[in-house]
Amino acid sequence: MATEAERVVNSISRAIDSGSPIHITSFCLHKNGSPESEHGLLSQWRGYGRGGFAIEFDEAKIDDLTNIENERFSYQSMITRRVSYHDHKKVAGLDNFIGMANASLKAVFEAAAPNLARRPDVAEILGERELTGYIGAFVQAVPFLKSPRFEEENEYRIVALPTRSPKLTIEADKRQWKPRNFREGLGGSMVPFIRLFEGAGHPLPIKKIIVGPHRDQQNQKLAAELLLEKHGVEVPVIASDTTLRF
């Protein structure tokens, strides 16, 4: 069964999604010259890139593109930051969430029994603060917290909340509405996504392509080189020395 904390998180997640669904883009950060930087992280090859490729980006220029993206399109929020694996209570700033459980209950009452929610005794218990008032603190904290079991990933995230519908774009916001796309996910599910940096007028700051473990790795490497040549991209292509077996 869901805990009270999980129920509150789910409630505010639904509140966010009604106006600006959260989209997350994730990267791994590695120290220059480290084995992980040169050949990729084994857990990532196993979990995500089996037989595929890893693309190394210039993180500072990714931040620059993110700023351009936010200036062009209607986002309610766009944040780039490292993920925290420890001291979650301190990092999240729990003082910012005082009263959130009451606000969640208030939203439930107002939806299910509005007359009851307006009763003075009930209103006094639940307080005046609305659940939507916690969205800013939620977005600043929750997407950047992760179990310490994943610490080796050293993850860096772009968290973007595009305005859900053109109808929700306020008049003062002169930015373009961000189109939403869809792809098939696991089990035939439908997954919404957005294309970052499309039409920004700047090339992606690719520094290197790493070819992952594959039975035809050299052919994969050649194919990647041909693809880069086709698009006029001059970056090194490296065959990872990582193996999925001993």
Protein backbone atom coordinates (compact mmCIF):
# COMPACT_ATOMS: atom_id res chain seq x y z
CA MET A 1 0.00 0.00 0.00
CA ALA A 2 1.10 3.57 -0.67
CA THR A 3 2.48 5.51 2.30
CA GLU A 4 1.12 8.94 3.24
CA ALA A 5 4.24 10.55 1.71
CA GLU A 6 3.70 8.67 -1.53
CA ARG A 7 0.06 9.74 -1.64
CA VAL A 8 1.06 13.38 -1.17
CA VAL A 9 3.72 13.13 -3.88
CA ASN A 10 1.21 11.53 -6.24
CA SER A 11 -1.30 14.29 -5.52
CA ILE A 12 1.08 17.10 -6.31
CA SER A 13 2.39 15.22 -9.36
CA ARG A 14 -1.16 15.16 -10.71
CA ALA A 15 -1.49 18.88 -9.97
CA ILE A 16 1.70 19.58 -11.92
CA ASP A 17 0.70 17.36 -14.84
CA SER A 18 -2.60 19.20 -15.23
CA GLY A 19 -0.68 22.30 -16.29
CA SER A 20 2.90 21.36 -17.10
CA PRO A 21 3.90 17.67 -17.24
CA ILE A 22 7.48 17.01 -16.16
CA HIS A 23 9.95 15.84 -18.83
CA ILE A 24 13.42 14.69 -17.74
CA THR A 25 16.60 14.28 -19.78
CA SER A 26 19.43 12.47 -17.98
CA PHE A 27 23.20 12.37 -18.46
CA CYS A 28 26.13 10.77 -16.64
CA LEU A 29 29.01 12.95 -15.52
CA HIS A 30 32.51 11.44 -15.43
CA LYS A 31 35.91 12.90 -14.68
CA ASN A 32 37.92 13.59 -17.85
CA GLY A 33 40.43 10.82 -18.51
CA SER A 34 38.70 8.30 -16.25
CA PRO A 35 37.93 4.81 -17.60
CA GLU A 36 34.20 5.64 -17.46
CA SER A 37 34.75 8.80 -19.48
CA GLU A 38 36.81 6.97 -22.09
CA HIS A 39 34.79 3.77 -22.41
CA GLY A 40 31.42 4.27 -20.73
CA LEU A 41 29.92 2.91 -17.52
CA LEU A 42 29.30 -0.85 -17.41
CA SER A 43 25.93 -0.53 -15.66
CA GLN A 44 24.74 1.87 -18.38
CA TRP A 45 25.80 -0.45 -21.18
CA ARG A 46 23.97 -3.29 -19.46
CA GLY A 47 20.87 -1.32 -18.58
CA TYR A 48 20.38 1.02 -21.52
CA GLY A 49 22.99 0.88 -24.27
CA ARG A 50 23.44 -2.82 -24.96
CA GLY A 51 24.74 -2.96 -28.52
CA GLY A 52 24.35 0.81 -28.87
CA PHE A 53 26.27 4.03 -28.51
CA ALA A 54 27.12 6.63 -25.87
CA ILE A 55 27.32 10.28 -26.88
CA GLU A 56 29.58 12.61 -24.91
CA PHE A 57 28.43 16.23 -24.75
CA ASP A 58 30.03 19.46 -23.57
CA GLU A 59 27.96 20.07 -20.42
CA ALA A 60 28.54 23.85 -20.34
CA LYS A 61 27.26 24.19 -23.91
CA ILE A 62 24.28 21.97 -23.08
CA ASP A 63 23.40 24.52 -20.39
CA ASP A 64 23.72 27.31 -22.99
CA LEU A 65 21.31 25.46 -25.30
CA THR A 66 18.93 24.94 -22.40
CA ASN A 67 18.83 28.70 -21.80
CA ILE A 68 18.09 29.31 -25.49
CA GLU A 69 15.35 26.66 -25.40
CA ASN A 70 13.71 28.31 -22.40
CA GLU A 71 13.80 31.71 -24.10
CA ARG A 72 12.13 30.39 -27.26
CA PHE A 73 9.39 28.16 -25.88
CA SER A 74 6.74 28.41 -23.18
CA TYR A 75 8.06 26.50 -20.18
CA GLN A 76 6.70 26.91 -16.68
CA SER A 77 10.10 25.84 -15.42
CA MET A 78 13.39 24.47 -16.75
CA ILE A 79 16.15 23.43 -14.36
CA THR A 80 19.56 21.82 -14.89
CA ARG A 81 21.36 20.32 -11.91
CA ARG A 82 23.20 17.31 -10.56
CA VAL A 83 21.21 14.60 -8.85
CA SER A 84 21.72 14.24 -5.08
CA TYR A 85 22.20 10.76 -3.64
CA HIS A 86 22.67 11.65 0.04
CA ASP A 87 21.24 14.03 2.68
CA HIS A 88 17.87 14.09 0.91
CA LYS A 89 16.14 15.88 3.80
CA LYS A 90 18.68 18.69 3.73
CA VAL A 91 18.82 18.94 -0.06
CA ALA A 92 15.04 18.98 -0.44
CA GLY A 93 14.59 21.75 2.13
CA LEU A 94 11.76 20.12 4.06
CA ASP A 95 10.69 23.44 5.60
CA ASN A 96 9.36 24.33 2.15
CA PHE A 97 6.86 21.47 2.41
CA ILE A 98 5.33 22.21 5.82
CA GLY A 99 1.56 21.86 5.55
CA MET A 100 1.67 19.96 2.27
CA ALA A 101 -0.23 16.96 3.63
CA ASN A 102 -3.08 19.22 4.75
CA ALA A 103 -3.11 20.94 1.37
CA SER A 104 -3.31 17.53 -0.31
CA LEU A 105 -6.26 16.53 1.87
CA LYS A 106 -7.89 19.87 1.12
CA ALA A 107 -7.66 19.20 -2.62
CA VAL A 108 -9.25 15.77 -2.10
CA PHE A 109 -12.09 17.25 -0.03
CA GLU A 110 -12.74 20.01 -2.54
CA ALA A 111 -12.98 17.49 -5.37
CA ALA A 112 -15.08 14.89 -3.57
CA ALA A 113 -17.13 16.95 -1.09
CA PRO A 114 -16.88 20.69 -1.77
CA ASN A 115 -19.62 21.56 0.72
CA LEU A 116 -17.77 19.72 3.46
CA ALA A 117 -14.48 21.38 2.53
CA ARG A 118 -16.09 24.83 2.98
CA ARG A 119 -17.31 24.10 6.50
CA PRO A 120 -15.49 26.48 8.91
CA ASP A 121 -14.32 23.69 11.23
CA VAL A 122 -12.91 21.60 8.35
CA ALA A 123 -11.35 24.63 6.65
CA GLU A 124 -9.64 25.61 9.90
CA ILE A 125 -8.07 22.16 10.22
CA LEU A 126 -6.92 21.97 6.59
CA GLY A 127 -5.62 25.53 6.45
CA GLU A 128 -5.64 28.08 3.64
CA ARG A 129 -2.66 26.99 1.59
CA GLU A 130 -3.37 25.33 -1.77
CA LEU A 131 -1.54 22.28 -3.09
CA THR A 132 -0.43 24.23 -6.17
CA GLY A 133 1.56 26.49 -3.84
CA TYR A 134 4.06 23.67 -3.34
CA ILE A 135 4.73 23.04 -7.03
CA GLY A 136 7.82 25.27 -7.16
CA ALA A 137 9.50 23.58 -4.19
CA PHE A 138 8.49 20.14 -5.48
CA VAL A 139 10.01 20.69 -8.93
CA GLN A 140 13.19 22.16 -7.47
CA ALA A 141 13.74 19.13 -5.22
CA VAL A 142 12.04 15.83 -6.02
CA PRO A 143 13.32 15.20 -9.61
CA PHE A 144 16.88 15.63 -8.32
CA LEU A 145 16.76 13.07 -5.49
CA LYS A 146 17.82 9.47 -6.06
CA SER A 147 18.79 6.40 -4.06
CA PRO A 148 22.51 6.18 -3.15
CA ARG A 149 22.50 2.79 -4.91
CA PHE A 150 22.70 4.75 -8.18
CA GLU A 151 25.54 7.03 -7.12
CA GLU A 152 28.03 5.65 -9.64
CA GLU A 153 25.91 7.18 -12.43
CA ASN A 154 26.73 10.71 -11.16
CA GLU A 155 23.62 11.86 -12.95
CA TYR A 156 22.96 15.33 -14.32
CA ARG A 157 19.40 16.21 -15.34
CA ILE A 158 17.44 18.67 -17.41
CA VAL A 159 13.98 18.96 -15.87
CA ALA A 160 11.55 20.73 -18.19
CA LEU A 161 7.89 21.63 -17.64
CA PRO A 162 6.46 22.79 -20.98
CA THR A 163 3.08 24.48 -20.88
CA ARG A 164 0.60 21.66 -21.43
CA SER A 165 -1.65 23.35 -23.99
CA PRO A 166 -1.52 26.53 -26.12
CA LYS A 167 -4.76 27.51 -24.35
CA LEU A 168 -2.88 27.62 -21.04
CA THR A 169 -0.20 30.00 -22.33
CA ILE A 170 -0.76 33.37 -20.68
CA GLU A 171 -1.02 36.44 -22.89
CA ALA A 172 2.11 38.00 -21.44
CA ASP A 173 4.15 34.94 -22.44
CA LYS A 174 5.25 35.66 -26.02
CA ARG A 175 7.22 32.43 -26.33
CA GLN A 176 6.13 29.65 -28.69
CA TRP A 177 4.15 26.70 -27.39
CA LYS A 178 6.35 23.58 -27.27
CA PRO A 179 4.96 20.75 -29.46
CA ARG A 180 4.61 17.35 -27.85
CA ASN A 181 5.51 14.06 -29.55
CA PHE A 182 4.67 10.44 -28.75
CA ARG A 183 6.49 7.12 -29.03
CA GLU A 184 5.80 3.53 -28.14
CA GLY A 185 7.17 2.43 -24.78
CA LEU A 186 7.56 -0.92 -23.07
CA GLY A 187 4.55 -3.19 -23.36
CA GLY A 188 3.01 -1.06 -26.09
CA SER A 189 2.45 1.93 -23.78
CA MET A 190 2.27 5.44 -25.23
CA VAL A 191 5.00 7.80 -24.01
CA PRO A 192 4.84 11.59 -24.53
CA PHE A 193 8.11 13.43 -25.10
CA ILE A 194 9.48 16.76 -26.33
CA ARG A 195 12.38 17.46 -28.68
CA LEU A 196 14.86 19.76 -26.97
CA PHE A 197 16.97 22.26 -28.93
CA GLU A 198 15.17 21.58 -32.24
CA GLY A 199 15.58 24.55 -34.57
CA ALA A 200 17.81 26.40 -32.10
CA GLY A 201 20.30 27.25 -34.84
CA HIS A 202 23.17 25.70 -32.92
CA PRO A 203 24.62 22.21 -33.44
CA LEU A 204 24.54 19.76 -30.55
CA PRO A 205 27.85 20.10 -28.65
CA ILE A 206 28.97 16.51 -29.28
CA LYS A 207 32.53 15.79 -28.15
CA LYS A 208 32.80 12.06 -28.80
CA ILE A 209 30.90 8.92 -29.74
CA ILE A 210 31.61 5.68 -27.86
CA VAL A 211 30.61 2.41 -29.54
CA GLY A 212 29.34 -0.03 -26.95
CA PRO A 213 29.93 -3.78 -26.57
CA HIS A 214 28.65 -5.55 -29.67
CA ARG A 215 29.53 -8.68 -31.63
CA ASP A 216 30.07 -6.48 -34.71
CA GLN A 217 31.59 -3.54 -32.86
CA GLN A 218 33.95 -2.51 -35.65
CA ASN A 219 31.11 -2.48 -38.16
CA GLN A 220 29.11 -0.38 -35.69
CA LYS A 221 32.05 2.01 -35.42
CA LEU A 222 32.31 2.33 -39.21
CA ALA A 223 28.57 2.94 -39.52
CA ALA A 224 28.76 5.71 -36.91
CA GLU A 225 31.68 7.33 -38.74
CA LEU A 226 29.77 7.25 -42.04
CA LEU A 227 26.70 8.78 -40.40
CA LEU A 228 28.76 11.60 -38.91
CA GLU A 229 30.43 12.23 -42.28
CA LYS A 230 27.03 12.46 -43.93
CA HIS A 231 26.01 15.27 -41.57
CA GLY A 232 29.40 17.01 -41.56
CA VAL A 233 30.10 16.30 -37.89
CA GLU A 234 33.78 15.86 -37.05
CA VAL A 235 34.15 14.11 -33.71
CA PRO A 236 36.15 11.04 -32.67
CA VAL A 237 34.45 7.64 -32.60
CA ILE A 238 35.87 5.28 -29.96
CA ALA A 239 35.26 1.55 -29.57
CA SER A 240 34.68 0.87 -25.88
CA ASP A 241 36.90 -1.79 -24.32
CA THR A 242 34.05 -2.72 -21.95
CA THR A 243 32.76 -6.29 -22.17
CA LEU A 244 29.47 -7.61 -20.87
CA ARG A 245 31.09 -10.93 -19.96
CA PHE A 246 34.30 -11.94 -18.24
